[in-house]
Protein backbone atom coordinates (compact mmCIF):
# COMPACT_ATOMS: atom_id res chain seq x y z
CA MET A 1 0.00 0.00 0.00
CA LYS A 2 1.45 3.33 -1.07
CA VAL A 3 -0.20 6.52 0.12
CA LYS A 4 -0.03 9.24 -2.50
CA ILE A 5 0.02 12.96 -1.74
CA HIS A 6 -3.17 14.96 -1.99
CA THR A 7 -3.20 18.37 -3.62
CA LEU A 8 -3.77 20.37 -0.43
CA PHE A 9 -0.68 18.98 1.29
CA GLU A 10 1.33 19.19 -1.92
CA TYR A 11 0.62 22.92 -2.15
CA LEU A 12 1.57 23.44 1.50
CA LEU A 13 4.87 21.61 0.97
CA GLU A 14 5.68 23.67 -2.10
CA THR A 15 5.00 26.99 -0.36
CA THR A 16 6.40 26.31 3.13
CA GLU A 17 9.39 28.64 2.69
CA ALA A 18 7.42 31.55 1.23
CA GLU A 19 7.18 33.58 4.49
CA PRO A 20 3.96 35.47 3.72
CA GLU A 21 3.27 38.83 5.35
CA ALA A 22 -0.48 38.21 5.49
CA ILE A 23 -2.85 35.25 5.32
CA VAL A 24 -6.33 35.15 3.82
CA GLY A 25 -7.83 31.85 4.80
CA TYR A 26 -6.34 30.92 8.15
CA SER A 27 -8.05 27.71 9.20
CA LEU A 28 -7.80 27.77 13.00
CA SER A 29 -8.41 30.17 15.86
CA GLN A 30 -5.57 32.30 17.18
CA SER A 31 -3.16 29.96 18.94
CA PRO A 32 -2.39 30.49 22.64
CA LYS A 33 1.19 30.41 23.89
CA LEU A 34 2.74 27.80 26.16
CA GLY A 35 3.15 30.34 28.96
CA GLU A 36 -0.61 30.53 29.36
CA PHE A 37 -0.62 26.95 30.64
CA MET A 38 2.49 26.94 32.82
CA ASP A 39 0.75 27.70 36.12
CA ASP A 40 -1.49 24.66 35.66
CA LEU A 41 1.17 22.24 34.45
CA ASP A 42 2.72 19.90 37.02
CA PRO A 43 6.51 20.34 36.93
CA GLU A 44 6.76 16.77 38.22
CA LEU A 45 4.89 15.41 35.21
CA LEU A 46 6.68 12.28 34.07
CA LEU A 47 7.42 12.45 30.35
CA ASP A 48 6.63 8.81 29.82
CA TRP A 49 3.19 7.42 28.96
CA ASN A 50 0.45 8.40 31.38
CA SER A 51 0.64 5.04 33.23
CA ILE A 52 -3.16 5.05 33.52
CA ASP A 53 -4.90 4.15 30.27
CA PHE A 54 -3.84 3.59 26.68
CA ARG A 55 -7.01 5.40 25.63
CA GLY A 56 -5.70 8.70 27.04
CA LEU A 57 -6.01 10.76 30.22
CA PRO A 58 -9.35 9.99 31.90
CA ALA A 59 -10.01 13.65 32.73
CA LEU A 60 -9.40 14.66 29.11
CA ARG A 61 -11.73 11.93 27.84
CA GLY A 62 -14.37 13.20 30.24
CA HIS A 63 -14.03 16.73 28.85
CA ILE A 64 -14.33 15.38 25.30
CA LEU A 65 -17.57 13.54 26.10
CA ARG A 66 -19.02 16.63 27.76
CA GLU A 67 -18.27 19.01 24.92
CA ALA A 68 -19.46 16.52 22.29
CA GLY A 69 -22.77 16.28 24.14
CA LEU A 70 -22.24 12.56 24.74
CA ASP A 71 -22.48 12.37 28.52
CA GLY A 72 -24.87 9.51 29.29
CA LEU A 73 -24.80 8.33 25.66
CA CYS A 74 -21.22 7.08 25.52
CA GLU A 75 -18.79 5.86 28.15
CA PRO A 76 -15.27 7.17 28.81
CA SER A 77 -13.97 3.87 27.41
CA ASP A 78 -15.61 4.78 24.09
CA VAL A 79 -13.15 7.69 23.71
CA PHE A 80 -9.66 7.16 22.31
CA VAL A 81 -7.26 10.13 22.33
CA THR A 82 -5.24 10.37 19.12
CA ALA A 83 -2.65 12.54 17.39
CA GLY A 84 -5.23 14.95 16.01
CA THR A 85 -8.35 14.29 13.97
CA ALA A 86 -6.24 13.09 11.06
CA GLU A 87 -4.90 10.15 13.06
CA ALA A 88 -8.37 9.34 14.36
CA ASN A 89 -9.71 9.20 10.79
CA TYR A 90 -6.67 7.20 9.66
CA LEU A 91 -6.97 4.60 12.40
CA ALA A 92 -10.66 4.07 11.67
CA MET A 93 -10.11 3.70 7.93
CA MET A 94 -7.10 1.42 8.22
CA GLN A 95 -8.82 -0.97 10.62
CA LEU A 96 -12.23 -1.03 8.96
CA LEU A 97 -11.60 -0.87 5.21
CA GLU A 98 -10.38 -3.67 2.97
CA PRO A 99 -9.67 -3.84 -0.77
CA GLU A 100 -12.83 -3.80 -2.90
CA ASP A 101 -14.92 -2.18 -0.15
CA GLU A 102 -16.84 0.89 -1.26
CA VAL A 103 -16.52 4.22 0.52
CA VAL A 104 -18.91 7.14 0.12
CA ILE A 105 -17.14 10.50 0.25
CA GLU A 106 -18.49 14.04 -0.02
CA THR A 107 -16.92 16.57 -2.38
CA PRO A 108 -15.77 19.18 -1.75
CA GLY A 109 -14.53 17.74 1.49
CA TRP A 110 -11.50 16.80 3.54
CA PRO A 111 -9.26 14.92 1.05
CA GLN A 112 -7.74 12.41 3.49
CA THR A 113 -10.46 9.80 3.02
CA GLY A 114 -10.00 9.63 -0.74
CA VAL A 115 -6.25 9.26 -0.42
CA ILE A 116 -6.28 6.53 2.24
CA SER A 117 -9.16 4.52 0.80
CA LYS A 118 -7.57 4.57 -2.65
CA ALA A 119 -4.29 3.32 -1.21
CA ILE A 120 -6.14 0.46 0.49
CA GLY A 121 -7.75 -0.49 -2.82
CA CYS A 122 -11.31 0.61 -2.12
CA THR A 123 -13.80 1.99 -4.61
CA GLN A 124 -14.75 5.65 -4.01
CA ARG A 125 -18.34 6.80 -4.55
CA TYR A 126 -18.49 10.59 -4.47
CA VAL A 127 -21.50 12.65 -3.46
CA GLU A 128 -21.16 16.15 -4.87
CA ARG A 129 -22.14 19.26 -2.96
CA LYS A 130 -22.91 22.04 -5.47
CA GLU A 131 -22.45 25.77 -5.00
CA ALA A 132 -25.70 26.43 -6.86
CA ASP A 133 -27.46 24.51 -4.06
CA ASP A 134 -25.59 26.44 -1.34
CA TRP A 135 -23.24 23.46 -0.88
CA ILE A 136 -26.02 21.50 0.85
CA PHE A 137 -25.37 17.75 1.09
CA PRO A 138 -27.56 16.01 -1.53
CA MET A 139 -29.28 13.13 0.23
CA ASP A 140 -30.82 11.98 -3.04
CA GLN A 141 -27.33 11.30 -4.41
CA LEU A 142 -26.40 9.33 -1.30
CA GLU A 143 -29.45 7.13 -1.76
CA LYS A 144 -28.29 6.33 -5.31
CA VAL A 145 -24.68 5.39 -4.48
CA ILE A 146 -25.00 3.30 -1.32
CA ASN A 147 -25.37 -0.44 -1.74
CA LYS A 148 -24.54 -3.73 -0.03
CA ASN A 149 -20.82 -3.14 -0.72
CA THR A 150 -20.76 0.23 1.07
CA LYS A 151 -18.46 -0.18 4.06
CA MET A 152 -18.12 3.44 5.17
CA ILE A 153 -19.71 6.85 4.69
CA PHE A 154 -17.38 9.75 5.55
CA VAL A 155 -18.52 13.36 5.98
CA THR A 156 -17.46 16.47 7.86
CA ASN A 157 -19.79 18.53 10.05
CA PRO A 158 -19.39 21.47 9.73
CA ASN A 159 -18.27 20.77 6.20
CA ASN A 160 -14.60 21.34 5.51
CA PRO A 161 -14.19 23.52 3.38
CA THR A 162 -17.60 25.12 2.66
CA GLY A 163 -18.86 25.74 6.19
CA GLN A 164 -22.24 24.16 5.44
CA ARG A 165 -23.90 22.19 8.27
CA PHE A 166 -25.97 19.09 8.78
CA SER A 167 -29.12 19.62 10.82
CA THR A 168 -30.15 17.06 13.43
CA ALA A 169 -32.75 15.72 11.01
CA GLU A 170 -30.15 15.38 8.24
CA LEU A 171 -27.77 13.55 10.57
CA GLN A 172 -30.58 11.14 11.39
CA GLN A 173 -31.06 10.60 7.65
CA LEU A 174 -27.37 9.78 7.32
CA VAL A 175 -27.68 7.31 10.18
CA ASP A 176 -30.73 5.70 8.57
CA TYR A 177 -28.96 5.30 5.23
CA ALA A 178 -25.83 3.89 6.89
CA ARG A 179 -27.89 1.46 8.97
CA SER A 180 -29.81 0.30 5.89
CA VAL A 181 -26.61 -1.14 4.39
CA ASP A 182 -24.83 -1.84 7.71
CA ALA A 183 -22.12 0.74 6.93
CA TRP A 184 -19.89 2.68 9.29
CA LEU A 185 -20.65 6.40 9.45
CA VAL A 186 -17.69 8.66 10.24
CA VAL A 187 -18.40 12.31 11.01
CA ASP A 188 -15.32 14.53 11.33
CA GLU A 189 -16.30 17.34 13.73
CA VAL A 190 -13.06 19.29 13.72
CA TYR A 191 -14.94 22.61 13.36
CA ALA A 192 -17.78 21.80 15.78
CA GLY A 193 -18.49 24.57 18.26
CA LEU A 194 -17.96 27.36 15.74
CA GLU A 195 -21.53 27.77 14.49
CA TRP A 196 -22.58 31.10 13.01
CA GLU A 197 -26.03 30.29 11.64
CA GLY A 198 -28.64 27.60 12.19
CA GLY A 199 -28.60 27.09 15.93
CA PRO A 200 -26.28 25.25 18.34
CA ARG A 201 -23.85 22.43 17.71
CA ALA A 202 -25.41 19.36 16.10
CA PRO A 203 -25.47 16.04 17.98
CA SER A 204 -22.49 13.72 17.60
CA VAL A 205 -23.12 10.58 15.60
CA ALA A 206 -21.35 8.34 18.13
CA GLY A 207 -24.40 8.83 20.33
CA MET A 208 -26.88 8.13 17.53
CA TYR A 209 -25.65 4.87 15.99
CA ASP A 210 -23.64 1.89 17.19
CA LYS A 211 -21.49 2.10 14.04
CA GLY A 212 -21.24 5.87 14.24
CA ILE A 213 -17.73 7.30 14.67
CA THR A 214 -17.13 10.86 15.84
CA THR A 215 -13.69 12.38 15.34
CA GLY A 216 -12.42 15.79 16.42
CA SER A 217 -9.59 17.69 18.06
CA VAL A 218 -8.45 20.80 19.89
CA SER A 219 -6.74 22.03 16.71
CA LYS A 220 -9.25 24.38 15.10
CA ALA A 221 -11.60 26.00 17.60
CA LEU A 222 -8.98 26.22 20.36
CA GLY A 223 -6.06 26.97 18.04
CA LEU A 224 -4.02 24.13 19.55
CA GLN A 225 -3.00 22.42 16.31
CA GLY A 226 0.59 21.94 17.46
CA LEU A 227 -0.46 19.72 20.35
CA ARG A 228 -1.55 16.99 17.92
CA CYS A 229 -4.35 15.99 20.25
CA GLY A 230 -7.61 14.66 18.88
CA TRP A 231 -10.06 11.84 19.46
CA LEU A 232 -12.08 8.98 18.10
CA ILE A 233 -15.40 8.18 19.78
CA CYS A 234 -17.35 5.00 19.07
CA LYS A 235 -19.47 2.58 21.09
CA ASP A 236 -17.95 -0.40 19.29
CA LYS A 237 -15.40 -1.81 21.74
CA ASP A 238 -13.66 -3.88 19.08
CA LEU A 239 -13.02 -0.80 16.91
CA ILE A 240 -11.53 1.11 19.82
CA MET A 241 -9.23 -1.81 20.63
CA ASP A 242 -8.27 -2.19 16.97
CA ALA A 243 -7.38 1.51 16.88
CA ILE A 244 -5.25 1.12 20.01
CA ILE A 245 -3.45 -1.84 18.45
CA LEU A 246 -2.73 0.00 15.20
CA ARG A 247 -1.53 3.10 17.03
CA GLU A 248 0.75 0.89 19.13
CA ASN A 249 2.31 -0.35 15.89
CA SER A 250 2.71 3.11 14.32
CA SER A 251 3.05 6.18 16.53
CA GLU A 252 3.00 3.90 19.61
CA LEU A 253 2.26 5.53 22.97
CA MET A 254 0.29 8.70 23.65
CA ASN A 255 1.43 12.31 23.47
CA VAL A 256 1.79 13.00 27.20
CA MET A 257 2.51 16.75 27.01
CA GLY A 258 -0.17 17.28 24.37
CA GLU A 259 -2.75 15.47 26.46
CA ALA A 260 -1.77 17.35 29.62
CA ILE A 261 -2.13 20.75 27.96
CA ALA A 262 -5.32 19.74 26.14
CA GLU A 263 -6.85 18.60 29.43
CA ILE A 264 -6.13 22.02 30.94
CA ALA A 265 -7.51 23.79 27.86
CA MET A 266 -10.75 21.80 28.03
CA ARG A 267 -11.51 22.37 31.70
CA PRO A 268 -15.05 23.82 31.72
CA GLU A 269 -14.41 27.44 32.70
CA ARG A 270 -11.28 27.76 30.60
CA TYR A 271 -12.85 26.03 27.60
CA GLU A 272 -15.91 28.25 27.63
CA ALA A 273 -13.81 31.41 27.85
CA SER A 274 -11.66 30.23 24.95
CA MET A 275 -14.70 29.38 22.86
CA VAL A 276 -16.35 32.74 23.56
CA LYS A 277 -13.19 34.46 22.28
CA ALA A 278 -12.87 32.12 19.29
CA ARG A 279 -16.47 32.72 18.27
CA ALA A 280 -16.20 36.48 18.70
CA ASP A 281 -12.92 36.70 16.77
CA GLY A 282 -14.15 34.36 14.06
CA LEU A 283 -17.47 36.14 13.59
CA ALA A 284 -15.77 39.54 13.43
CA ASN A 285 -13.41 38.33 10.71
CA LEU A 286 -16.27 36.58 8.92
CA GLU A 287 -18.13 39.88 8.67
CA VAL A 288 -15.01 41.49 7.19
CA LEU A 289 -14.70 38.67 4.66
CA ASP A 290 -18.37 38.76 3.76
CA THR A 291 -18.29 42.52 3.17
CA PHE A 292 -15.17 42.18 1.03
CA VAL A 293 -16.56 39.37 -1.13
CA LYS A 294 -19.93 41.05 -1.64
CA GLY A 295 -18.19 44.28 -2.58
CA HIS A 296 -15.84 42.79 -5.17
CA PRO A 297 -17.22 42.20 -8.68
CA ARG A 298 -14.88 39.28 -9.39
CA LEU A 299 -15.72 37.27 -6.27
CA SER A 300 -18.79 35.47 -4.97
CA TRP A 301 -19.43 32.93 -2.24
CA VAL A 302 -21.96 31.09 -0.14
CA ARG A 303 -21.30 32.50 3.31
CA PRO A 304 -20.24 29.71 5.70
CA LYS A 305 -22.74 28.77 8.38
CA ALA A 306 -20.02 27.39 10.64
CA GLY A 307 -16.28 26.82 10.87
CA LEU A 308 -13.42 29.12 9.94
CA ILE A 309 -13.13 28.64 6.18
CA GLY A 310 -15.23 28.92 3.03
CA LEU A 311 -14.87 28.77 -0.74
CA ALA A 312 -15.04 31.95 -2.83
CA LYS A 313 -15.50 31.71 -6.59
CA LEU A 314 -13.20 33.62 -8.93
CA SER A 315 -14.95 35.11 -11.95
CA ASP A 316 -13.95 34.78 -15.61
CA GLY A 317 -12.54 31.29 -15.20
CA ILE A 318 -9.48 32.45 -13.24
CA ASN A 319 -7.33 29.46 -12.32
CA SER A 320 -6.98 29.41 -8.55
CA ALA A 321 -3.51 27.80 -8.52
CA ASP A 322 -2.02 30.43 -10.81
CA PHE A 323 -3.72 33.18 -8.87
CA ALA A 324 -2.61 31.87 -5.45
CA ARG A 325 1.03 31.60 -6.52
CA LYS A 326 1.00 35.12 -7.91
CA LEU A 327 -0.53 36.43 -4.69
CA LEU A 328 2.10 34.64 -2.61
CA ALA A 329 4.99 36.16 -4.59
CA ALA A 330 6.34 39.69 -4.18
CA PRO A 331 5.03 42.33 -3.93
CA TYR A 332 1.84 40.79 -2.49
CA LYS A 333 3.33 38.14 -0.17
CA THR A 334 -0.13 36.93 0.88
CA PHE A 335 -1.07 33.28 1.36
CA LEU A 336 -4.35 31.61 0.52
CA MET A 337 -5.21 28.05 -0.42
CA PRO A 338 -6.23 27.51 -4.07
CA GLY A 339 -9.42 25.58 -4.68
CA ILE A 340 -7.50 22.87 -6.53
CA ALA A 341 -6.95 21.38 -3.07
CA TYR A 342 -10.66 20.50 -3.10
CA ASP A 343 -11.12 19.86 -6.85
CA GLN A 344 -12.55 23.37 -7.25
CA PRO A 345 -10.06 25.01 -9.66
CA ASN A 346 -11.99 28.29 -9.97
CA HIS A 347 -12.32 28.84 -6.24
CA ILE A 348 -10.07 30.02 -3.45
CA ARG A 349 -10.27 29.07 0.21
CA ILE A 350 -10.65 32.10 2.43
CA GLY A 351 -11.09 32.09 6.17
CA CYS A 352 -11.74 34.00 9.35
CA GLY A 353 -9.31 32.34 11.76
CA GLY A 354 -6.05 33.46 13.29
CA GLY A 355 -7.08 36.66 15.04
CA ALA A 356 -5.11 39.85 14.41
CA GLU A 357 -1.81 38.06 13.75
CA VAL A 358 -2.78 37.00 10.22
CA LYS A 359 -3.31 40.65 9.12
CA LEU A 360 -6.54 39.86 7.32
CA ASP A 361 -7.19 43.47 6.31
CA VAL A 362 -3.76 43.71 4.69
CA GLY A 363 -4.23 40.40 2.92
CA LEU A 364 -7.65 41.36 1.59
CA ALA A 365 -6.35 44.67 0.27
CA ARG A 366 -3.61 42.84 -1.63
CA LEU A 367 -6.05 40.22 -2.84
CA GLY A 368 -8.33 42.93 -4.18
CA ASP A 369 -5.42 44.71 -5.85
CA LEU A 370 -4.30 41.57 -7.68
CA LEU A 371 -7.84 40.76 -8.76
CA SER A 372 -8.24 44.23 -10.23
CA LYS A 373 -5.08 43.74 -12.30
CA TRP A 374 -5.64 40.11 -13.35
């Protein structure tokens, strides 16, 4: 099995040394600094494994259940702490999928599932969200592609990268379709908690379906991407044990410092304060983005209902990869992700994360200047 690179990561690798002066499309909240956690960290913390549970720190797993709304629906043993959402998704796919299985994947969406399932030898069945339909997930397409060979349905909620959301009723539809063919249903919730429109956070699928898998992390909403601390939640005890076994044979033991800091960050009072700030900062930047897009004749978008990123369409068939590279070069020195990362070549990914440090106003001014000259 050889895992091939996906376009999003390929673009990041190619542009790592660019040193942009501004970013339009930052995908996580402003990151806190280590010093903010020092008073709560135990200087006697042993930098070995936690010596308690291979699933992760019990207190952290309790916080995860609480914030996912799964208290009373799932047990602490149903939570497995991983190296970010990406590892949680990877462990589930590697232990559940076999060659010739079929996997249903949304597009645009997080590209990891397509890459891993293709490497395993699975058949991909894509369900296409369309901008003309406000990027809403088309249930009628799902009904047409699922069959007795469907092993897994993978979606993101909120959707990465459009910011569209599943309602509770739509999630129940997903569960019903998955159950009808006895498929696993994985819902990546990395942007959960950052809802702008349509009410509060949706329920987590791990509490709705025995073969439902919820994945998430502290990376996006809390800005703690560098901790590499995420989770996989599922009531199926065998899956959790399989994930532990695979992790033991790859990255091996847990990230002790990452878990310790994540546990502090998710303590109720601290978590709520962080989320209030993340929502306020994100919404303020979203308003700036929305005003900019609506005011520019060569841009359009469906405003995200949740999360920190969205897709804006470039007019006149402008190629997003060419445009993004030009914007990154002098004199603009502004980074954004081209839509080719999501098979949307005429779109760019813009976002409202990062707080003041990303210099969104500066980046938007440069973006507008380049568009006017293109």
